Amino acid sequence: MTFSLPIPAEANALLDRSSLAVLLGLVLDQQITMEKAFTSPLVLVQRLGHEPTATELADFDPAALLEFFATPPALHRFPKAMATRVQEVCRVIADRYDGDVAALWRDVPTGAELYQRIVALPGFGQQKAQIFVALLGKQCGVQPTGWREAAGGYGGEGAYRSVADIVDDASLTKVREYKKAAKAEAKATKS
């Protein structure tokens, strides 16, 4: 994997080497900025003093994990809910994939199956699962047959709709413009 998100180099380096960090970034990427979501795995590593495994986080004392999430600056604006969600996702990885996060996508034969594996994770609805499929395809080279279709509108070349398309400040601006326009359209439709 090679990430070049507009976040500190150390956070990108963690994403490059840790499938768990990528997964945690996606879990946390809601109701906070993308930069915060994908930097928080590094902050968690720093607070723990080492890079955890999915199994370690699955088995972590929930109160202690919450403390790591809630200590200022909190890893998410909803630290209790997100500490719980991270632990739930890690339990699925521990139980179904023997603690190996990359097994979630390794050797998956089709984009449809990849999507099904991801959408089965706690907190991953259709949109988040499609974004994860797109991120894996566009930035991580995980491209089983039909991955673009499984990613929906997020899989298109030059879509600039999500974190899957962000590689620099210019692409971040395009994604933010898309999201702003989508919100305005949704608001206008409601009215």
C-alpha atoms as a PDB file:
ATOM      1  CA  MET A   1       0.000   0.000   0.000  1.00  0.00           C
ATOM      2  CA  THR A   2       1.121   3.526  -0.633  1.00  0.00           C
ATOM      3  CA  PHE A   3      -0.816   6.373   0.906  1.00  0.00           C
ATOM      4  CA  SER A   4      -0.241  10.036   0.298  1.00  0.00           C
ATOM      5  CA  LEU A   5      -3.181  11.576   2.069  1.00  0.00           C
ATOM      6  CA  PRO A   6      -2.727  15.201   3.157  1.00  0.00           C
ATOM      7  CA  ILE A   7      -1.867  14.132   6.705  1.00  0.00           C
ATOM      8  CA  PRO A   8       1.479  13.918   8.527  1.00  0.00           C
ATOM      9  CA  ALA A   9       4.023  11.641   6.828  1.00  0.00           C
ATOM     10  CA  GLU A  10       4.195   9.437   9.924  1.00  0.00           C
ATOM     11  CA  ALA A  11       0.429   8.782   9.690  1.00  0.00           C
ATOM     12  CA  ASN A  12       0.738   7.888   5.987  1.00  0.00           C
ATOM     13  CA  ALA A  13       3.665   5.592   6.786  1.00  0.00           C
ATOM     14  CA  LEU A  14       1.516   3.744   9.343  1.00  0.00           C
ATOM     15  CA  LEU A  15      -1.272   3.356   6.767  1.00  0.00           C
ATOM     16  CA  ASP A  16       1.307   2.022   4.281  1.00  0.00           C
ATOM     17  CA  ARG A  17       2.476  -0.745   6.592  1.00  0.00           C
ATOM     18  CA  SER A  18      -0.623  -1.523   8.649  1.00  0.00           C
ATOM     19  CA  SER A  19      -3.834  -2.956   7.243  1.00  0.00           C
ATOM     20  CA  LEU A  20      -5.324  -2.456  10.693  1.00  0.00           C
ATOM     21  CA  ALA A  21      -4.591   1.286  10.562  1.00  0.00           C
ATOM     22  CA  VAL A  22      -6.381   1.522   7.200  1.00  0.00           C
ATOM     23  CA  LEU A  23      -9.381  -0.347   8.588  1.00  0.00           C
ATOM     24  CA  LEU A  24      -9.480   1.832  11.718  1.00  0.00           C
ATOM     25  CA  GLY A  25      -9.281   4.981   9.597  1.00  0.00           C
ATOM     26  CA  LEU A  26     -12.341   3.826   7.671  1.00  0.00           C
ATOM     27  CA  VAL A  27     -14.188   2.910  10.874  1.00  0.00           C
ATOM     28  CA  LEU A  28     -13.502   6.365  12.319  1.00  0.00           C
ATOM     29  CA  ASP A  29     -14.255   8.246   9.087  1.00  0.00           C
ATOM     30  CA  GLN A  30     -17.691   9.539  10.033  1.00  0.00           C
ATOM     31  CA  GLN A  31     -18.754  12.826  11.569  1.00  0.00           C
ATOM     32  CA  ILE A  32     -15.139  14.021  11.724  1.00  0.00           C
ATOM     33  CA  THR A  33     -12.721  15.183   9.074  1.00  0.00           C
ATOM     34  CA  MET A  34     -10.966  12.618   6.937  1.00  0.00           C
ATOM     35  CA  GLU A  35      -7.639  13.963   8.207  1.00  0.00           C
ATOM     36  CA  LYS A  36      -8.656  13.327  11.817  1.00  0.00           C
ATOM     37  CA  ALA A  37      -9.993   9.843  11.015  1.00  0.00           C
ATOM     38  CA  PHE A  38      -6.821   8.694   9.259  1.00  0.00           C
ATOM     39  CA  THR A  39      -4.456  10.337  11.749  1.00  0.00           C
ATOM     40  CA  SER A  40      -6.196   8.818  14.791  1.00  0.00           C
ATOM     41  CA  PRO A  41      -4.725   5.309  14.243  1.00  0.00           C
ATOM     42  CA  LEU A  42      -1.254   6.852  14.656  1.00  0.00           C
ATOM     43  CA  VAL A  43      -2.343   8.640  17.830  1.00  0.00           C
ATOM     44  CA  LEU A  44      -3.697   5.343  19.180  1.00  0.00           C
ATOM     45  CA  VAL A  45      -0.353   3.642  18.416  1.00  0.00           C
ATOM     46  CA  GLN A  46       1.487   6.448  20.196  1.00  0.00           C
ATOM     47  CA  ARG A  47      -0.774   6.171  23.246  1.00  0.00           C
ATOM     48  CA  LEU A  48      -0.434   2.384  23.386  1.00  0.00           C
ATOM     49  CA  GLY A  49       3.335   2.559  22.858  1.00  0.00           C
ATOM     50  CA  HIS A  50       3.225  -0.051  20.063  1.00  0.00           C
ATOM     51  CA  GLU A  51       1.269  -1.065  16.975  1.00  0.00           C
ATOM     52  CA  PRO A  52      -1.611  -3.236  18.171  1.00  0.00           C
ATOM     53  CA  THR A  53      -3.073  -6.232  16.387  1.00  0.00           C
ATOM     54  CA  ALA A  54      -6.771  -6.665  15.681  1.00  0.00           C
ATOM     55  CA  THR A  55      -6.852  -9.515  18.194  1.00  0.00           C
ATOM     56  CA  GLU A  56      -5.254  -7.329  20.862  1.00  0.00           C
ATOM     57  CA  LEU A  57      -7.850  -4.597  20.343  1.00  0.00           C
ATOM     58  CA  ALA A  58     -10.652  -7.187  20.258  1.00  0.00           C
ATOM     59  CA  ASP A  59      -9.552  -8.472  23.669  1.00  0.00           C
ATOM     60  CA  PHE A  60      -8.703  -5.071  25.174  1.00  0.00           C
ATOM     61  CA  ASP A  61     -10.399  -4.003  28.378  1.00  0.00           C
ATOM     62  CA  PRO A  62     -13.253  -1.778  27.096  1.00  0.00           C
ATOM     63  CA  ALA A  63     -12.792   0.841  29.836  1.00  0.00           C
ATOM     64  CA  ALA A  64      -9.057   1.096  29.150  1.00  0.00           C
ATOM     65  CA  LEU A  65      -9.646   1.365  25.390  1.00  0.00           C
ATOM     66  CA  LEU A  66     -12.210   4.103  25.994  1.00  0.00           C
ATOM     67  CA  GLU A  67      -9.625   5.987  28.036  1.00  0.00           C
ATOM     68  CA  PHE A  68      -7.180   5.855  25.105  1.00  0.00           C
ATOM     69  CA  PHE A  69      -9.934   7.150  22.808  1.00  0.00           C
ATOM     70  CA  ALA A  70     -11.225   9.868  25.149  1.00  0.00           C
ATOM     71  CA  THR A  71      -7.928  11.341  26.378  1.00  0.00           C
ATOM     72  CA  PRO A  72      -7.616  14.853  24.911  1.00  0.00           C
ATOM     73  CA  PRO A  73      -7.334  15.308  22.082  1.00  0.00           C
ATOM     74  CA  ALA A  74      -9.952  12.576  21.672  1.00  0.00           C
ATOM     75  CA  LEU A  75      -9.516  10.214  18.732  1.00  0.00           C
ATOM     76  CA  HIS A  76     -13.092  10.939  17.642  1.00  0.00           C
ATOM     77  CA  ARG A  77     -15.839  13.353  18.622  1.00  0.00           C
ATOM     78  CA  PHE A  78     -17.752  10.323  19.948  1.00  0.00           C
ATOM     79  CA  PRO A  79     -14.976   8.427  21.739  1.00  0.00           C
ATOM     80  CA  LYS A  80     -17.171   5.932  23.591  1.00  0.00           C
ATOM     81  CA  ALA A  81     -19.171   4.912  20.524  1.00  0.00           C
ATOM     82  CA  MET A  82     -16.064   4.683  18.345  1.00  0.00           C
ATOM     83  CA  ALA A  83     -13.977   2.770  20.883  1.00  0.00           C
ATOM     84  CA  THR A  84     -16.839   0.281  21.046  1.00  0.00           C
ATOM     85  CA  ARG A  85     -17.151   0.148  17.250  1.00  0.00           C
ATOM     86  CA  VAL A  86     -13.405  -0.388  16.789  1.00  0.00           C
ATOM     87  CA  GLN A  87     -13.535  -3.230  19.285  1.00  0.00           C
ATOM     88  CA  GLU A  88     -16.556  -4.797  17.531  1.00  0.00           C
ATOM     89  CA  VAL A  89     -14.844  -4.634  14.132  1.00  0.00           C
ATOM     90  CA  CYS A  90     -11.635  -6.080  15.576  1.00  0.00           C
ATOM     91  CA  ARG A  91     -13.613  -8.948  17.116  1.00  0.00           C
ATOM     92  CA  VAL A  92     -14.995  -9.833  13.683  1.00  0.00           C
ATOM     93  CA  ILE A  93     -11.474  -9.743  12.243  1.00  0.00           C
ATOM     94  CA  ALA A  94     -10.202 -11.908  15.115  1.00  0.00           C
ATOM     95  CA  ASP A  95     -13.056 -14.411  14.818  1.00  0.00           C
ATOM     96  CA  ARG A  96     -13.543 -14.671  11.030  1.00  0.00           C
ATOM     97  CA  TYR A  97     -10.060 -13.872   9.749  1.00  0.00           C
ATOM     98  CA  ASP A  98      -7.839 -15.180  12.550  1.00  0.00           C
ATOM     99  CA  GLY A  99      -6.826 -11.618  13.411  1.00  0.00           C
ATOM    100  CA  ASP A 100      -5.399 -10.957   9.927  1.00  0.00           C
ATOM    101  CA  VAL A 101      -6.994  -7.750   8.623  1.00  0.00           C
ATOM    102  CA  ALA A 102      -5.609  -8.231   5.106  1.00  0.00           C
ATOM    103  CA  ALA A 103      -7.391 -11.609   4.926  1.00  0.00           C
ATOM    104  CA  LEU A 104     -10.555  -9.523   4.571  1.00  0.00           C
ATOM    105  CA  TRP A 105      -9.462  -8.755   0.993  1.00  0.00           C
ATOM    106  CA  ARG A 106      -6.597 -11.117   0.242  1.00  0.00           C
ATOM    107  CA  ASP A 107      -7.400 -13.612  -2.542  1.00  0.00           C
ATOM    108  CA  VAL A 108     -10.998 -12.409  -2.809  1.00  0.00           C
ATOM    109  CA  PRO A 109     -12.146 -13.510  -6.304  1.00  0.00           C
ATOM    110  CA  THR A 110     -14.669 -10.768  -7.087  1.00  0.00           C
ATOM    111  CA  GLY A 111     -15.513  -7.224  -6.185  1.00  0.00           C
ATOM    112  CA  ALA A 112     -18.983  -8.391  -5.166  1.00  0.00           C
ATOM    113  CA  GLU A 113     -17.517 -10.794  -2.609  1.00  0.00           C
ATOM    114  CA  LEU A 114     -15.141  -8.110  -1.341  1.00  0.00           C
ATOM    115  CA  TYR A 115     -18.097  -5.779  -0.892  1.00  0.00           C
ATOM    116  CA  GLN A 116     -20.048  -8.501   0.964  1.00  0.00           C
ATOM    117  CA  ARG A 117     -17.142  -9.128   3.344  1.00  0.00           C
ATOM    118  CA  ILE A 118     -16.814  -5.425   4.105  1.00  0.00           C
ATOM    119  CA  VAL A 119     -20.517  -4.647   4.459  1.00  0.00           C
ATOM    120  CA  ALA A 120     -20.717  -7.489   7.014  1.00  0.00           C
ATOM    121  CA  LEU A 121     -18.448  -5.507   9.376  1.00  0.00           C
ATOM    122  CA  PRO A 122     -20.155  -3.648  12.230  1.00  0.00           C
ATOM    123  CA  GLY A 123     -20.952  -0.070  11.210  1.00  0.00           C
ATOM    124  CA  PHE A 124     -20.271  -0.602   7.510  1.00  0.00           C
ATOM    125  CA  GLY A 125     -23.371   0.216   5.503  1.00  0.00           C
ATOM    126  CA  GLN A 126     -23.573   0.337   1.729  1.00  0.00           C
ATOM    127  CA  GLN A 127     -21.827   3.685   1.269  1.00  0.00           C
ATOM    128  CA  LYS A 128     -18.947   3.006   3.668  1.00  0.00           C
ATOM    129  CA  ALA A 129     -18.423  -0.467   2.179  1.00  0.00           C
ATOM    130  CA  GLN A 130     -18.353   0.976  -1.341  1.00  0.00           C
ATOM    131  CA  ILE A 131     -15.844   3.623  -0.271  1.00  0.00           C
ATOM    132  CA  PHE A 132     -13.641   0.917   1.290  1.00  0.00           C
ATOM    133  CA  VAL A 133     -13.785  -1.182  -1.899  1.00  0.00           C
ATOM    134  CA  ALA A 134     -12.819   1.938  -3.884  1.00  0.00           C
ATOM    135  CA  LEU A 135      -9.994   2.792  -1.466  1.00  0.00           C
ATOM    136  CA  LEU A 136      -8.610  -0.736  -1.699  1.00  0.00           C
ATOM    137  CA  GLY A 137      -8.838  -0.681  -5.493  1.00  0.00           C
ATOM    138  CA  LYS A 138      -7.527   2.801  -6.160  1.00  0.00           C
ATOM    139  CA  GLN A 139      -4.838   3.130  -3.507  1.00  0.00           C
ATOM    140  CA  CYS A 140      -3.945  -0.388  -2.402  1.00  0.00           C
ATOM    141  CA  GLY A 141      -3.996  -2.354  -5.661  1.00  0.00           C
ATOM    142  CA  VAL A 142      -6.762  -4.705  -4.453  1.00  0.00           C
ATOM    143  CA  GLN A 143      -8.603  -5.074  -7.745  1.00  0.00           C
ATOM    144  CA  PRO A 144     -10.574  -8.304  -8.042  1.00  0.00           C
ATOM    145  CA  THR A 145     -12.841  -8.682 -11.052  1.00  0.00           C
ATOM    146  CA  GLY A 146     -15.729  -6.237 -10.805  1.00  0.00           C
ATOM    147  CA  TRP A 147     -14.281  -4.109  -8.023  1.00  0.00           C
ATOM    148  CA  ARG A 148     -15.251  -0.823  -9.691  1.00  0.00           C
ATOM    149  CA  GLU A 149     -18.852  -1.962 -10.043  1.00  0.00           C
ATOM    150  CA  ALA A 150     -18.897  -3.140  -6.413  1.00  0.00           C
ATOM    151  CA  ALA A 151     -17.621   0.303  -5.377  1.00  0.00           C
ATOM    152  CA  GLY A 152     -20.566   1.978  -7.112  1.00  0.00           C
ATOM    153  CA  GLY A 153     -20.023   5.647  -7.957  1.00  0.00           C
ATOM    154  CA  TYR A 154     -16.899   5.669  -5.779  1.00  0.00           C
ATOM    155  CA  GLY A 155     -15.090   3.289  -8.138  1.00  0.00           C
ATOM    156  CA  GLY A 156     -14.997   5.529 -11.195  1.00  0.00           C
ATOM    157  CA  GLU A 157     -11.792   7.025 -12.544  1.00  0.00           C
ATOM    158  CA  GLY A 158     -11.529  10.649 -11.444  1.00  0.00           C
ATOM    159  CA  ALA A 159     -14.691  10.414  -9.339  1.00  0.00           C
ATOM    160  CA  TYR A 160     -13.316  12.601  -6.498  1.00  0.00           C
ATOM    161  CA  ARG A 161     -16.088  11.515  -4.146  1.00  0.00           C
ATOM    162  CA  SER A 162     -14.278  10.040  -1.130  1.00  0.00           C
ATOM    163  CA  VAL A 163     -11.009   9.307   0.640  1.00  0.00           C
ATOM    164  CA  ALA A 164     -10.376   6.721  -2.100  1.00  0.00           C
ATOM    165  CA  ASP A 165      -9.608   9.595  -4.477  1.00  0.00           C
ATOM    166  CA  ILE A 166      -7.466  11.756  -2.197  1.00  0.00           C
ATOM    167  CA  VAL A 167      -3.767  11.736  -2.948  1.00  0.00           C
ATOM    168  CA  ASP A 168      -2.881  15.406  -2.411  1.00  0.00           C
ATOM    169  CA  ASP A 169      -4.333  18.784  -1.462  1.00  0.00           C
ATOM    170  CA  ALA A 170      -5.844  19.349  -4.928  1.00  0.00           C
ATOM    171  CA  SER A 171      -7.745  16.066  -4.876  1.00  0.00           C
ATOM    172  CA  LEU A 172      -8.855  16.769  -1.283  1.00  0.00           C
ATOM    173  CA  THR A 173     -10.321  20.069  -2.488  1.00  0.00           C
ATOM    174  CA  LYS A 174     -12.189  18.278  -5.293  1.00  0.00           C
ATOM    175  CA  VAL A 175     -13.632  15.740  -2.866  1.00  0.00           C
ATOM    176  CA  ARG A 176     -14.721  18.497  -0.487  1.00  0.00           C
ATOM    177  CA  GLU A 177     -16.373  20.369  -3.387  1.00  0.00           C
ATOM    178  CA  TYR A 178     -18.229  17.197  -4.403  1.00  0.00           C
ATOM    179  CA  LYS A 179     -19.451  16.603  -0.834  1.00  0.00           C
ATOM    180  CA  LYS A 180     -20.553  20.228  -0.469  1.00  0.00           C
ATOM    181  CA  ALA A 181     -22.512  20.035  -3.730  1.00  0.00           C
ATOM    182  CA  ALA A 182     -24.080  16.712  -2.720  1.00  0.00           C
ATOM    183  CA  LYS A 183     -25.210  18.186   0.623  1.00  0.00           C
ATOM    184  CA  ALA A 184     -26.678  21.233  -1.101  1.00  0.00           C
ATOM    185  CA  GLU A 185     -28.532  18.997  -3.560  1.00  0.00           C
ATOM    186  CA  ALA A 186     -29.889  16.814  -0.751  1.00  0.00           C
ATOM    187  CA  LYS A 187     -31.027  19.902   1.138  1.00  0.00           C
ATOM    188  CA  ALA A 188     -32.728  21.322  -1.962  1.00  0.00           C
ATOM    189  CA  THR A 189     -34.474  17.995  -2.590  1.00  0.00           C
ATOM    190  CA  LYS A 190     -35.781  17.987   1.002  1.00  0.00           C
ATOM    191  CA  SER A 191     -37.254  21.485   0.672  1.00  0.00           C
END
